[in-house]
Every structure is written in structure tokens, then in C-alpha cells.
């Protein structure tokens, strides 16, 4: 496996070039690399992913334009329980992740959420020329990367390459366009508090303004090294649950410590809303029985959203994890 030469030397780099014309051997080779990455770290980079980087830069520019709109305009496309849209500065608090700490303060960012698939089938779009087709086109390309990783994921778990295909028909996907302004952080303030993601995979394109920190098992918080035109990918809570805790869902957090605004555009990839997530056969044994009850992907996502955005969804923030 390729490792970045950095002060951490922790985060593997997976080259997806062989997936352009995949062979069983290429899939299995990458599957072995993915297995080590997710068992040991929970984060990995991907390069030669096939996304035109000009398109990524256009999404960053669209995020800047959106967050520069007047507040009154943004409030007309506010996120709701049924629809994707805008979430104002400090509108979410990281209740769903126990690692956020005992003192919970609102996350000091604003965000726009665009959903494809899942239980939220509708989005509210800002009045920006070309915004909707740009976002929908990019989500389509991000989905292509994610779908190409599914046979690799299956191989990493000693499963047939097509094992996950039916669970990702009409997958649950979200593009979050976040704005972290320059602020003075108090002791317990975060741009995004320590947390784990609820999805299967999160794809975060390279950013020219740092702010992300991750905490792999056995390590303190570290800053991932910069890798131009790459995606930093992490596995989420639902993949950890699906693999009976074999694969990690690694803690991460964000603060904008720079002197300029920071934008981030993570893409969250998940299974179809009614896909049943239960411990995979290669991840259980008499000595290692299933640690969690089966649950649909959508039910877990609704719990996660309701916990973190209780004021938006109208649900209680003190509900325990299903």
C-alpha cells in the first residue's frame, strides 16, 4: 500500500486508475488496500478518481457565491424536515456523536444541503444562475466514484464483488456546502465539533484552506497532509455497524484557524433508504456475535439528523442511538 510521506505517515493512498477498466485482480488488489485502511485508520486518499478538477473548483466557487447571498434570501430556502436547503450559522449541534464532549455548543458554520435519493427527495435551490445543474452534475460524478468503490468494498470484506449492488439502488446521498467564517473560538467552540459521520463513505476534496483534524485509533489529533486534486475519504457509522465494528468510523473535527473564510464540500454516500444494515456474514462468528440489531439505513439517518438538527426537524435531541 502507498503511504504518504508526512509527519504522520498514517493515511493510505489508493490509486483508482485500475478501476477505469477493472479486472477481478485489480479489484481484489485494491480491496486488500482498502481493508487495511479501514481496519487501521478509517481514512484514505484516492487519486486518479476520474473527476475533472475544474468541476471541483466550480463547486467551491458556487459555495462562495451561495454563502454570499443576503441572509433574507437564504432564509427563503431554509432546510426543513422534508427538504434540503440552507442551515444558518450555528444551526446545528453535534449531539449524535458521544465524542463531541460533555459541553455541546452550536457548530460555528453555515451550510447548504443538497440531497439525492433517500427519504429527502426534494431540495430548495438558491436563485443563482446555473447552480442547480452544476450541483446535480457534480453529485452524479461523485456517485460514479462511490459506485466504483462498491466491488472494492465487497472484496475487502471477502464477499462477492456484486454483494452490495442491490443495497445501493437509489442510494442516499448528500452534498454539504459549508462555510466556516473567521471567528474567535472559545474554549468549547468548534467550526464542527468532534464527531463521526453517519454515512457509508464521505468524500472530501482537497482544500486550499486547512481546518480539518482527524484522530485515528491510538493517536492524538492530527492534520491530514495536503495531496493536490485528491479526495480524502472516511468510513462512517453505518459501515462500522455493517461490518460489526471491523471497519472504523474515525473521529474528526474542524476549526478555521486561518485569516480567510474556509469552504468545504463533503459528499456523503449511503445505501438506499430501506436497505437493512445488519452484521455481514464475514464479520461475525460464534466468538464475535453481532453487536447491534438490524436497522434500515434511513431509520438511522433520521435519528442522526434529528439529534444534530433538533431545532430544524422538531425532534428531541436527547434520543439514544437505535
C-alpha atoms as a PDB file:
ATOM      1  CA  UNK A   1       0.000   0.000   0.000  1.00  0.00           C
ATOM      2  CA  UNK A   2       1.214   3.504  -0.774  1.00  0.00           C
ATOM      3  CA  UNK A   3       1.721   5.702   2.258  1.00  0.00           C
ATOM      4  CA  UNK A   4       2.109   9.461   2.238  1.00  0.00           C
ATOM      5  CA  UNK A   5       5.467  10.643   3.447  1.00  0.00           C
ATOM      6  CA  UNK A   6       4.292  13.049   6.078  1.00  0.00           C
ATOM      7  CA  UNK A   7       4.823  13.639   9.749  1.00  0.00           C
ATOM      8  CA  UNK A   8       2.057  11.137  10.433  1.00  0.00           C
ATOM      9  CA  UNK A   9       2.670   8.501   7.722  1.00  0.00           C
ATOM     10  CA  UNK A  10      -0.755   7.165   8.581  1.00  0.00           C
ATOM     11  CA  UNK A  11      -3.162   7.800   5.746  1.00  0.00           C
ATOM     12  CA  UNK A  12      -3.040   5.342   2.807  1.00  0.00           C
ATOM     13  CA  UNK A  13      -3.365   6.492  -0.806  1.00  0.00           C
ATOM     14  CA  UNK A  14      -5.468   4.352  -3.154  1.00  0.00           C
ATOM     15  CA  UNK A  15      -4.884   4.848  -6.868  1.00  0.00           C
ATOM     16  CA  UNK A  16      -8.181   4.219  -8.688  1.00  0.00           C
ATOM     17  CA  UNK A  17      -6.671   4.175 -12.173  1.00  0.00           C
ATOM     18  CA  UNK A  18      -7.090   0.349 -12.437  1.00  0.00           C
ATOM     19  CA  UNK A  19     -10.853   0.784 -11.997  1.00  0.00           C
ATOM     20  CA  UNK A  20     -11.115   2.558 -15.358  1.00  0.00           C
ATOM     21  CA  UNK A  21     -11.201  -0.916 -16.912  1.00  0.00           C
ATOM     22  CA  UNK A  22     -11.499  -3.105 -13.823  1.00  0.00           C
ATOM     23  CA  UNK A  23     -10.408  -6.717 -13.696  1.00  0.00           C
ATOM     24  CA  UNK A  24     -11.073  -9.111 -10.801  1.00  0.00           C
ATOM     25  CA  UNK A  25      -7.390  -8.972  -9.867  1.00  0.00           C
ATOM     26  CA  UNK A  26      -7.390  -5.158  -9.834  1.00  0.00           C
ATOM     27  CA  UNK A  27     -10.490  -5.079  -7.642  1.00  0.00           C
ATOM     28  CA  UNK A  28      -9.026  -7.612  -5.223  1.00  0.00           C
ATOM     29  CA  UNK A  29      -5.711  -5.745  -5.039  1.00  0.00           C
ATOM     30  CA  UNK A  30      -7.488  -2.502  -4.175  1.00  0.00           C
ATOM     31  CA  UNK A  31      -9.772  -4.410  -1.823  1.00  0.00           C
ATOM     32  CA  UNK A  32      -6.769  -5.556   0.199  1.00  0.00           C
ATOM     33  CA  UNK A  33      -5.516  -1.957   0.398  1.00  0.00           C
ATOM     34  CA  UNK A  34      -8.953  -0.710   1.406  1.00  0.00           C
ATOM     35  CA  UNK A  35      -9.240  -3.385   4.102  1.00  0.00           C
ATOM     36  CA  UNK A  36      -6.014  -2.270   5.743  1.00  0.00           C
ATOM     37  CA  UNK A  37      -7.003   1.392   5.503  1.00  0.00           C
ATOM     38  CA  UNK A  38     -10.395   0.892   7.137  1.00  0.00           C
ATOM     39  CA  UNK A  39      -9.264  -1.579   9.784  1.00  0.00           C
ATOM     40  CA  UNK A  40      -6.296   0.546  10.828  1.00  0.00           C
ATOM     41  CA  UNK A  41      -7.151   4.201  10.138  1.00  0.00           C
ATOM     42  CA  UNK A  42     -10.687   4.808   8.863  1.00  0.00           C
ATOM     43  CA  UNK A  43      -9.394   7.414   6.379  1.00  0.00           C
ATOM     44  CA  UNK A  44      -7.699   7.107   2.999  1.00  0.00           C
ATOM     45  CA  UNK A  45      -6.910   9.281  -0.009  1.00  0.00           C
ATOM     46  CA  UNK A  46      -7.997   8.446  -3.543  1.00  0.00           C
ATOM     47  CA  UNK A  47      -6.178   9.707  -6.627  1.00  0.00           C
ATOM     48  CA  UNK A  48      -6.876   9.215 -10.333  1.00  0.00           C
ATOM     49  CA  UNK A  49     -10.548   9.241  -9.399  1.00  0.00           C
ATOM     50  CA  UNK A  50     -11.820  10.494 -12.743  1.00  0.00           C
ATOM     51  CA  UNK A  51     -13.437  13.764 -11.642  1.00  0.00           C
ATOM     52  CA  UNK A  52     -12.339  16.837 -13.615  1.00  0.00           C
ATOM     53  CA  UNK A  53     -10.779  19.130 -11.016  1.00  0.00           C
ATOM     54  CA  UNK A  54     -12.149  22.189 -12.784  1.00  0.00           C
ATOM     55  CA  UNK A  55     -15.578  20.900 -11.794  1.00  0.00           C
ATOM     56  CA  UNK A  56     -14.492  20.628  -8.151  1.00  0.00           C
ATOM     57  CA  UNK A  57     -13.219  24.208  -8.262  1.00  0.00           C
ATOM     58  CA  UNK A  58     -16.552  25.274  -9.758  1.00  0.00           C
ATOM     59  CA  UNK A  59     -18.359  23.706  -6.777  1.00  0.00           C
ATOM     60  CA  UNK A  60     -16.110  25.590  -4.364  1.00  0.00           C
ATOM     61  CA  UNK A  61     -16.902  28.806  -6.258  1.00  0.00           C
ATOM     62  CA  UNK A  62     -20.623  28.007  -6.126  1.00  0.00           C
ATOM     63  CA  UNK A  63     -20.331  27.563  -2.350  1.00  0.00           C
ATOM     64  CA  UNK A  64     -18.745  31.004  -2.056  1.00  0.00           C
ATOM     65  CA  UNK A  65     -21.474  32.560  -4.190  1.00  0.00           C
ATOM     66  CA  UNK A  66     -24.259  30.868  -2.243  1.00  0.00           C
ATOM     67  CA  UNK A  67     -22.977  31.907   1.172  1.00  0.00           C
ATOM     68  CA  UNK A  68     -22.503  35.471  -0.085  1.00  0.00           C
ATOM     69  CA  UNK A  69     -26.255  35.819  -0.744  1.00  0.00           C
ATOM     70  CA  UNK A  70     -28.230  38.094   1.592  1.00  0.00           C
ATOM     71  CA  UNK A  71     -29.476  36.376   4.749  1.00  0.00           C
ATOM     72  CA  UNK A  72     -33.083  37.209   3.835  1.00  0.00           C
ATOM     73  CA  UNK A  73     -32.631  35.338   0.547  1.00  0.00           C
ATOM     74  CA  UNK A  74     -31.015  32.348   2.217  1.00  0.00           C
ATOM     75  CA  UNK A  75     -33.827  32.113   4.733  1.00  0.00           C
ATOM     76  CA  UNK A  76     -36.296  31.543   1.882  1.00  0.00           C
ATOM     77  CA  UNK A  77     -34.531  28.240   1.096  1.00  0.00           C
ATOM     78  CA  UNK A  78     -34.125  27.072   4.697  1.00  0.00           C
ATOM     79  CA  UNK A  79     -33.611  23.357   5.309  1.00  0.00           C
ATOM     80  CA  UNK A  80     -36.651  21.581   6.716  1.00  0.00           C
ATOM     81  CA  UNK A  81     -37.580  18.102   7.874  1.00  0.00           C
ATOM     82  CA  UNK A  82     -38.743  17.274   4.344  1.00  0.00           C
ATOM     83  CA  UNK A  83     -36.420  19.306   2.115  1.00  0.00           C
ATOM     84  CA  UNK A  84     -32.766  20.033   1.627  1.00  0.00           C
ATOM     85  CA  UNK A  85     -31.692  23.646   1.840  1.00  0.00           C
ATOM     86  CA  UNK A  86     -29.844  26.242   3.887  1.00  0.00           C
ATOM     87  CA  UNK A  87     -28.848  25.909   7.530  1.00  0.00           C
ATOM     88  CA  UNK A  88     -27.828  29.180   9.144  1.00  0.00           C
ATOM     89  CA  UNK A  89     -24.686  29.874  11.144  1.00  0.00           C
ATOM     90  CA  UNK A  90     -24.725  27.891  14.382  1.00  0.00           C
ATOM     91  CA  UNK A  91     -27.828  25.965  13.308  1.00  0.00           C
ATOM     92  CA  UNK A  92     -26.522  22.515  14.242  1.00  0.00           C
ATOM     93  CA  UNK A  93     -25.052  20.950  17.379  1.00  0.00           C
ATOM     94  CA  UNK A  94     -23.164  17.639  17.442  1.00  0.00           C
ATOM     95  CA  UNK A  95     -25.434  15.639  19.735  1.00  0.00           C
ATOM     96  CA  UNK A  96     -25.354  12.369  17.797  1.00  0.00           C
ATOM     97  CA  UNK A  97     -21.675  11.658  18.443  1.00  0.00           C
ATOM     98  CA  UNK A  98     -20.720  10.889  22.025  1.00  0.00           C
ATOM     99  CA  UNK A  99     -17.175  12.059  21.344  1.00  0.00           C
ATOM    100  CA  UNK A 100     -18.347  15.675  20.981  1.00  0.00           C
ATOM    101  CA  UNK A 101     -17.743  16.097  24.714  1.00  0.00           C
ATOM    102  CA  UNK A 102     -19.918  16.925  27.671  1.00  0.00           C
ATOM    103  CA  UNK A 103     -20.253  20.620  26.809  1.00  0.00           C
ATOM    104  CA  UNK A 104     -22.108  20.970  23.494  1.00  0.00           C
ATOM    105  CA  UNK A 105     -22.118  24.324  21.723  1.00  0.00           C
ATOM    106  CA  UNK A 106     -23.538  25.155  18.275  1.00  0.00           C
ATOM    107  CA  UNK A 107     -21.204  24.417  15.380  1.00  0.00           C
ATOM    108  CA  UNK A 108     -19.813  27.692  14.053  1.00  0.00           C
ATOM    109  CA  UNK A 109     -20.537  27.178  10.386  1.00  0.00           C
ATOM    110  CA  UNK A 110     -23.361  27.647   7.912  1.00  0.00           C
ATOM    111  CA  UNK A 111     -24.225  25.033   5.306  1.00  0.00           C
ATOM    112  CA  UNK A 112     -26.354  24.213   2.308  1.00  0.00           C
ATOM    113  CA  UNK A 113     -27.547  20.618   1.861  1.00  0.00           C
ATOM    114  CA  UNK A 114     -28.498  19.082  -1.496  1.00  0.00           C
ATOM    115  CA  UNK A 115     -29.947  15.562  -1.315  1.00  0.00           C
ATOM    116  CA  UNK A 116     -30.329  12.895  -3.972  1.00  0.00           C
ATOM    117  CA  UNK A 117     -32.173   9.689  -3.072  1.00  0.00           C
ATOM    118  CA  UNK A 118     -33.000   8.648   0.461  1.00  0.00           C
ATOM    119  CA  UNK A 119     -36.014   9.935   2.327  1.00  0.00           C
ATOM    120  CA  UNK A 120     -35.426  13.574   1.359  1.00  0.00           C
ATOM    121  CA  UNK A 121     -36.181  13.662  -2.350  1.00  0.00           C
ATOM    122  CA  UNK A 122     -36.571  17.422  -2.744  1.00  0.00           C
ATOM    123  CA  UNK A 123     -34.226  20.393  -2.458  1.00  0.00           C
ATOM    124  CA  UNK A 124     -34.771  24.132  -2.273  1.00  0.00           C
ATOM    125  CA  UNK A 125     -32.436  25.846  -4.702  1.00  0.00           C
ATOM    126  CA  UNK A 126     -30.868  29.317  -4.387  1.00  0.00           C
ATOM    127  CA  UNK A 127     -31.527  31.985  -7.018  1.00  0.00           C
ATOM    128  CA  UNK A 128     -28.135  31.577  -8.703  1.00  0.00           C
ATOM    129  CA  UNK A 129     -27.872  31.041 -12.448  1.00  0.00           C
ATOM    130  CA  UNK A 130     -26.667  27.567 -13.301  1.00  0.00           C
ATOM    131  CA  UNK A 131     -26.428  26.459  -9.666  1.00  0.00           C
ATOM    132  CA  UNK A 132     -28.817  23.514  -9.801  1.00  0.00           C
ATOM    133  CA  UNK A 133     -27.429  21.807 -12.941  1.00  0.00           C
ATOM    134  CA  UNK A 134     -23.874  22.322 -11.673  1.00  0.00           C
ATOM    135  CA  UNK A 135     -24.669  20.680  -8.322  1.00  0.00           C
ATOM    136  CA  UNK A 136     -26.680  17.833  -9.814  1.00  0.00           C
ATOM    137  CA  UNK A 137     -23.957  17.148 -12.369  1.00  0.00           C
ATOM    138  CA  UNK A 138     -21.257  17.058  -9.720  1.00  0.00           C
ATOM    139  CA  UNK A 139     -23.298  14.755  -7.480  1.00  0.00           C
ATOM    140  CA  UNK A 140     -23.634  12.424 -10.464  1.00  0.00           C
ATOM    141  CA  UNK A 141     -19.867  12.329 -10.913  1.00  0.00           C
ATOM    142  CA  UNK A 142     -19.256  11.807  -7.197  1.00  0.00           C
ATOM    143  CA  UNK A 143     -21.722   8.934  -7.339  1.00  0.00           C
ATOM    144  CA  UNK A 144     -19.702   7.357 -10.124  1.00  0.00           C
ATOM    145  CA  UNK A 145     -16.651   7.257  -7.843  1.00  0.00           C
ATOM    146  CA  UNK A 146     -18.652   5.831  -4.961  1.00  0.00           C
ATOM    147  CA  UNK A 147     -20.264   3.132  -7.085  1.00  0.00           C
ATOM    148  CA  UNK A 148     -16.877   2.106  -8.485  1.00  0.00           C
ATOM    149  CA  UNK A 149     -15.719   1.511  -4.913  1.00  0.00           C
ATOM    150  CA  UNK A 150     -18.574  -0.877  -4.075  1.00  0.00           C
ATOM    151  CA  UNK A 151     -16.969  -4.013  -5.582  1.00  0.00           C
ATOM    152  CA  UNK A 152     -13.695  -2.983  -3.934  1.00  0.00           C
ATOM    153  CA  UNK A 153     -15.526  -2.706  -0.617  1.00  0.00           C
ATOM    154  CA  UNK A 154     -17.072  -6.146  -1.141  1.00  0.00           C
ATOM    155  CA  UNK A 155     -13.653  -7.636  -1.912  1.00  0.00           C
ATOM    156  CA  UNK A 156     -12.179  -6.011   1.184  1.00  0.00           C
ATOM    157  CA  UNK A 157     -14.705  -7.999   3.224  1.00  0.00           C
ATOM    158  CA  UNK A 158     -14.163 -11.317   1.429  1.00  0.00           C
ATOM    159  CA  UNK A 159     -17.565 -11.050  -0.270  1.00  0.00           C
ATOM    160  CA  UNK A 160     -18.582 -11.467  -3.931  1.00  0.00           C
ATOM    161  CA  UNK A 161     -17.867  -8.312  -5.912  1.00  0.00           C
ATOM    162  CA  UNK A 162     -21.573  -7.653  -6.526  1.00  0.00           C
ATOM    163  CA  UNK A 163     -22.614  -8.171  -2.905  1.00  0.00           C
ATOM    164  CA  UNK A 164     -23.576  -4.527  -2.234  1.00  0.00           C
ATOM    165  CA  UNK A 165     -25.203  -3.780  -5.594  1.00  0.00           C
ATOM    166  CA  UNK A 166     -28.837  -4.170  -4.503  1.00  0.00           C
ATOM    167  CA  UNK A 167     -28.320  -2.125  -1.317  1.00  0.00           C
ATOM    168  CA  UNK A 168     -27.238   0.905  -3.335  1.00  0.00           C
ATOM    169  CA  UNK A 169     -30.031   1.089  -5.892  1.00  0.00           C
ATOM    170  CA  UNK A 170     -31.289   4.663  -5.396  1.00  0.00           C
ATOM    171  CA  UNK A 171     -28.579   5.438  -2.827  1.00  0.00           C
ATOM    172  CA  UNK A 172     -28.954   8.107  -0.140  1.00  0.00           C
ATOM    173  CA  UNK A 173     -26.555  10.954  -0.978  1.00  0.00           C
ATOM    174  CA  UNK A 174     -25.943  14.461   0.306  1.00  0.00           C
ATOM    175  CA  UNK A 175     -23.646  17.248  -0.828  1.00  0.00           C
ATOM    176  CA  UNK A 176     -22.968  19.666   2.022  1.00  0.00           C
ATOM    177  CA  UNK A 177     -21.561  23.076   1.068  1.00  0.00           C
ATOM    178  CA  UNK A 178     -20.163  24.506   4.308  1.00  0.00           C
ATOM    179  CA  UNK A 179     -18.900  27.978   5.179  1.00  0.00           C
ATOM    180  CA  UNK A 180     -16.518  28.443   8.104  1.00  0.00           C
ATOM    181  CA  UNK A 181     -16.025  32.198   8.576  1.00  0.00           C
ATOM    182  CA  UNK A 182     -13.139  33.703  10.508  1.00  0.00           C
ATOM    183  CA  UNK A 183     -14.286  33.766  14.148  1.00  0.00           C
ATOM    184  CA  UNK A 184     -12.801  33.907  17.626  1.00  0.00           C
ATOM    185  CA  UNK A 185     -13.294  30.445  19.093  1.00  0.00           C
ATOM    186  CA  UNK A 186     -13.953  29.991  22.789  1.00  0.00           C
ATOM    187  CA  UNK A 187     -12.607  27.022  24.720  1.00  0.00           C
ATOM    188  CA  UNK A 188     -15.562  24.810  23.819  1.00  0.00           C
ATOM    189  CA  UNK A 189     -16.308  26.259  20.359  1.00  0.00           C
ATOM    190  CA  UNK A 190     -15.791  24.441  17.087  1.00  0.00           C
ATOM    191  CA  UNK A 191     -16.438  25.047  13.438  1.00  0.00           C
ATOM    192  CA  UNK A 192     -17.585  21.428  13.557  1.00  0.00           C
ATOM    193  CA  UNK A 193     -17.251  19.656  16.902  1.00  0.00           C
ATOM    194  CA  UNK A 194     -15.524  16.269  17.216  1.00  0.00           C
ATOM    195  CA  UNK A 195     -17.814  13.704  15.622  1.00  0.00           C
ATOM    196  CA  UNK A 196     -18.115  10.673  13.392  1.00  0.00           C
ATOM    197  CA  UNK A 197     -20.152  10.619  10.189  1.00  0.00           C
ATOM    198  CA  UNK A 198     -23.374   8.644   9.862  1.00  0.00           C
ATOM    199  CA  UNK A 199     -22.871   7.565   6.235  1.00  0.00           C
ATOM    200  CA  UNK A 200     -21.064   4.691   4.496  1.00  0.00           C
ATOM    201  CA  UNK A 201     -18.374   6.889   2.939  1.00  0.00           C
ATOM    202  CA  UNK A 202     -17.621  10.625   2.990  1.00  0.00           C
ATOM    203  CA  UNK A 203     -15.658  12.119   0.080  1.00  0.00           C
ATOM    204  CA  UNK A 204     -13.869  15.393   0.863  1.00  0.00           C
ATOM    205  CA  UNK A 205     -11.964  17.058  -1.989  1.00  0.00           C
ATOM    206  CA  UNK A 206      -8.625  18.741  -1.347  1.00  0.00           C
ATOM    207  CA  UNK A 207      -8.932  22.201   0.188  1.00  0.00           C
ATOM    208  CA  UNK A 208      -6.531  25.124  -0.010  1.00  0.00           C
ATOM    209  CA  UNK A 209      -7.647  26.396   3.427  1.00  0.00           C
ATOM    210  CA  UNK A 210      -6.789  23.907   6.199  1.00  0.00           C
ATOM    211  CA  UNK A 211      -9.007  23.240   9.177  1.00  0.00           C
ATOM    212  CA  UNK A 212      -9.686  19.500   9.352  1.00  0.00           C
ATOM    213  CA  UNK A 213      -8.186  17.290  12.060  1.00  0.00           C
ATOM    214  CA  UNK A 214      -8.645  13.543  12.493  1.00  0.00           C
ATOM    215  CA  UNK A 215      -7.985  11.183  15.410  1.00  0.00           C
ATOM    216  CA  UNK A 216      -7.066   7.655  14.288  1.00  0.00           C
ATOM    217  CA  UNK A 217      -7.143   4.986  16.984  1.00  0.00           C
ATOM    218  CA  UNK A 218      -4.058   5.144  19.176  1.00  0.00           C
ATOM    219  CA  UNK A 219      -3.141   8.660  18.044  1.00  0.00           C
ATOM    220  CA  UNK A 220      -3.786  12.211  19.119  1.00  0.00           C
ATOM    221  CA  UNK A 221      -5.474  14.678  16.757  1.00  0.00           C
ATOM    222  CA  UNK A 222      -3.503  15.102  13.520  1.00  0.00           C
ATOM    223  CA  UNK A 223      -3.787  17.329  10.455  1.00  0.00           C
ATOM    224  CA  UNK A 224      -4.016  15.256   7.261  1.00  0.00           C
ATOM    225  CA  UNK A 225      -1.272  16.143   4.792  1.00  0.00           C
ATOM    226  CA  UNK A 226      -2.189  18.064   1.653  1.00  0.00           C
ATOM    227  CA  UNK A 227      -2.489  15.996  -1.520  1.00  0.00           C
ATOM    228  CA  UNK A 228      -3.387  18.018  -4.594  1.00  0.00           C
ATOM    229  CA  UNK A 229      -6.507  17.089  -6.571  1.00  0.00           C
ATOM    230  CA  UNK A 230      -7.292  14.160  -4.290  1.00  0.00           C
ATOM    231  CA  UNK A 231     -10.262  13.117  -2.210  1.00  0.00           C
ATOM    232  CA  UNK A 232      -9.846  12.304   1.459  1.00  0.00           C
ATOM    233  CA  UNK A 233     -12.365   9.543   2.185  1.00  0.00           C
ATOM    234  CA  UNK A 234     -13.561   8.245   5.530  1.00  0.00           C
ATOM    235  CA  UNK A 235     -15.867   5.429   6.526  1.00  0.00           C
ATOM    236  CA  UNK A 236     -18.890   6.276   8.656  1.00  0.00           C
ATOM    237  CA  UNK A 237     -21.002   4.871  11.454  1.00  0.00           C
ATOM    238  CA  UNK A 238     -23.178   2.747   9.190  1.00  0.00           C
ATOM    239  CA  UNK A 239     -20.235   0.977   7.588  1.00  0.00           C
ATOM    240  CA  UNK A 240     -18.814   0.363  11.051  1.00  0.00           C
ATOM    241  CA  UNK A 241     -22.159  -1.116  12.098  1.00  0.00           C
ATOM    242  CA  UNK A 242     -22.465  -3.178   8.903  1.00  0.00           C
ATOM    243  CA  UNK A 243     -19.014  -4.668   9.492  1.00  0.00           C
ATOM    244  CA  UNK A 244     -19.703  -5.373  13.181  1.00  0.00           C
ATOM    245  CA  UNK A 245     -17.101  -2.756  14.179  1.00  0.00           C
ATOM    246  CA  UNK A 246     -14.427  -4.347  11.986  1.00  0.00           C
ATOM    247  CA  UNK A 247     -14.059  -1.140   9.974  1.00  0.00           C
ATOM    248  CA  UNK A 248     -13.590   2.125  11.809  1.00  0.00           C
ATOM    249  CA  UNK A 249     -15.640   5.292  11.943  1.00  0.00           C
ATOM    250  CA  UNK A 250     -12.881   7.701  12.901  1.00  0.00           C
ATOM    251  CA  UNK A 251     -13.383  10.925  14.811  1.00  0.00           C
ATOM    252  CA  UNK A 252     -12.712  14.222  13.098  1.00  0.00           C
ATOM    253  CA  UNK A 253     -13.329  17.926  13.738  1.00  0.00           C
ATOM    254  CA  UNK A 254     -12.871  21.304  12.059  1.00  0.00           C
ATOM    255  CA  UNK A 255     -11.858  24.815  13.032  1.00  0.00           C
ATOM    256  CA  UNK A 256     -10.958  27.645  10.718  1.00  0.00           C
ATOM    257  CA  UNK A 257      -7.706  28.909  12.213  1.00  0.00           C
ATOM    258  CA  UNK A 258      -6.778  30.849   9.078  1.00  0.00           C
ATOM    259  CA  UNK A 259      -7.279  34.538   8.344  1.00  0.00           C
ATOM    260  CA  UNK A 260      -9.756  33.898   5.498  1.00  0.00           C
ATOM    261  CA  UNK A 261     -13.074  32.169   5.072  1.00  0.00           C
ATOM    262  CA  UNK A 262     -12.995  28.404   4.662  1.00  0.00           C
ATOM    263  CA  UNK A 263     -15.388  26.404   2.485  1.00  0.00           C
ATOM    264  CA  UNK A 264     -15.779  22.624   2.468  1.00  0.00           C
ATOM    265  CA  UNK A 265     -17.841  20.428   0.144  1.00  0.00           C
ATOM    266  CA  UNK A 266     -18.095  16.898   1.595  1.00  0.00           C
ATOM    267  CA  UNK A 267     -20.198  14.354  -0.288  1.00  0.00           C
ATOM    268  CA  UNK A 268     -21.923  11.737   1.872  1.00  0.00           C
ATOM    269  CA  UNK A 269     -22.686   8.379   0.269  1.00  0.00           C
ATOM    270  CA  UNK A 270     -25.123   5.886   1.745  1.00  0.00           C
ATOM    271  CA  UNK A 271     -27.315   2.913   0.988  1.00  0.00           C
ATOM    272  CA  UNK A 272     -30.913   3.111  -0.195  1.00  0.00           C
ATOM    273  CA  UNK A 273     -33.359   4.290   2.434  1.00  0.00           C
ATOM    274  CA  UNK A 274     -34.900   0.867   3.171  1.00  0.00           C
ATOM    275  CA  UNK A 275     -31.694  -1.193   2.942  1.00  0.00           C
ATOM    276  CA  UNK A 276     -31.346  -3.341   6.050  1.00  0.00           C
ATOM    277  CA  UNK A 277     -28.000  -2.879   7.766  1.00  0.00           C
ATOM    278  CA  UNK A 278     -27.033  -5.957   9.783  1.00  0.00           C
ATOM    279  CA  UNK A 279     -23.692  -7.535  10.548  1.00  0.00           C
ATOM    280  CA  UNK A 280     -22.170  -9.051   7.430  1.00  0.00           C
ATOM    281  CA  UNK A 281     -21.538 -12.820   7.385  1.00  0.00           C
ATOM    282  CA  UNK A 282     -17.757 -12.354   7.129  1.00  0.00           C
ATOM    283  CA  UNK A 283     -17.775 -10.096  10.178  1.00  0.00           C
ATOM    284  CA  UNK A 284     -19.482 -12.368  12.721  1.00  0.00           C
ATOM    285  CA  UNK A 285     -18.618 -15.671  14.335  1.00  0.00           C
ATOM    286  CA  UNK A 286     -19.580 -17.604  17.468  1.00  0.00           C
ATOM    287  CA  UNK A 287     -16.755 -15.792  19.239  1.00  0.00           C
ATOM    288  CA  UNK A 288     -17.739 -12.413  17.738  1.00  0.00           C
ATOM    289  CA  UNK A 289     -21.545 -12.165  17.548  1.00  0.00           C
ATOM    290  CA  UNK A 290     -23.393  -9.159  16.108  1.00  0.00           C
ATOM    291  CA  UNK A 291     -23.034  -6.112  18.343  1.00  0.00           C
ATOM    292  CA  UNK A 292     -26.111  -4.238  17.062  1.00  0.00           C
ATOM    293  CA  UNK A 293     -29.622  -5.084  15.956  1.00  0.00           C
ATOM    294  CA  UNK A 294     -30.545  -4.763  12.261  1.00  0.00           C
ATOM    295  CA  UNK A 295     -31.822  -1.331  11.236  1.00  0.00           C
ATOM    296  CA  UNK A 296     -32.695   0.292   7.939  1.00  0.00           C
ATOM    297  CA  UNK A 297     -30.256   2.843   6.614  1.00  0.00           C
ATOM    298  CA  UNK A 298     -32.967   5.501   6.527  1.00  0.00           C
ATOM    299  CA  UNK A 299     -34.081   4.971  10.124  1.00  0.00           C
ATOM    300  CA  UNK A 300     -30.557   5.518  11.377  1.00  0.00           C
ATOM    301  CA  UNK A 301     -30.141   8.626   9.224  1.00  0.00           C
ATOM    302  CA  UNK A 302     -33.381  10.111  10.535  1.00  0.00           C
ATOM    303  CA  UNK A 303     -32.215   9.556  14.104  1.00  0.00           C
ATOM    304  CA  UNK A 304     -28.849  11.175  13.319  1.00  0.00           C
ATOM    305  CA  UNK A 305     -30.399  14.223  11.635  1.00  0.00           C
ATOM    306  CA  UNK A 306     -32.991  14.679  14.363  1.00  0.00           C
ATOM    307  CA  UNK A 307     -30.301  14.631  17.032  1.00  0.00           C
ATOM    308  CA  UNK A 308     -27.972  17.124  15.377  1.00  0.00           C
ATOM    309  CA  UNK A 309     -30.593  19.494  13.981  1.00  0.00           C
ATOM    310  CA  UNK A 310     -33.354  19.236  16.570  1.00  0.00           C
ATOM    311  CA  UNK A 311     -34.421  22.863  16.174  1.00  0.00           C
ATOM    312  CA  UNK A 312     -34.827  22.311  12.440  1.00  0.00           C
ATOM    313  CA  UNK A 313     -36.513  18.923  12.434  1.00  0.00           C
ATOM    314  CA  UNK A 314     -38.624  19.406  15.538  1.00  0.00           C
ATOM    315  CA  UNK A 315     -37.444  16.136  17.091  1.00  0.00           C
ATOM    316  CA  UNK A 316     -35.912  15.641  20.528  1.00  0.00           C
ATOM    317  CA  UNK A 317     -32.142  15.933  20.847  1.00  0.00           C
ATOM    318  CA  UNK A 318     -31.878  13.533  23.789  1.00  0.00           C
ATOM    319  CA  UNK A 319     -32.871  10.351  21.990  1.00  0.00           C
ATOM    320  CA  UNK A 320     -30.406   7.495  22.315  1.00  0.00           C
ATOM    321  CA  UNK A 321     -28.960   5.697  19.307  1.00  0.00           C
ATOM    322  CA  UNK A 322     -31.146   2.916  17.897  1.00  0.00           C
END
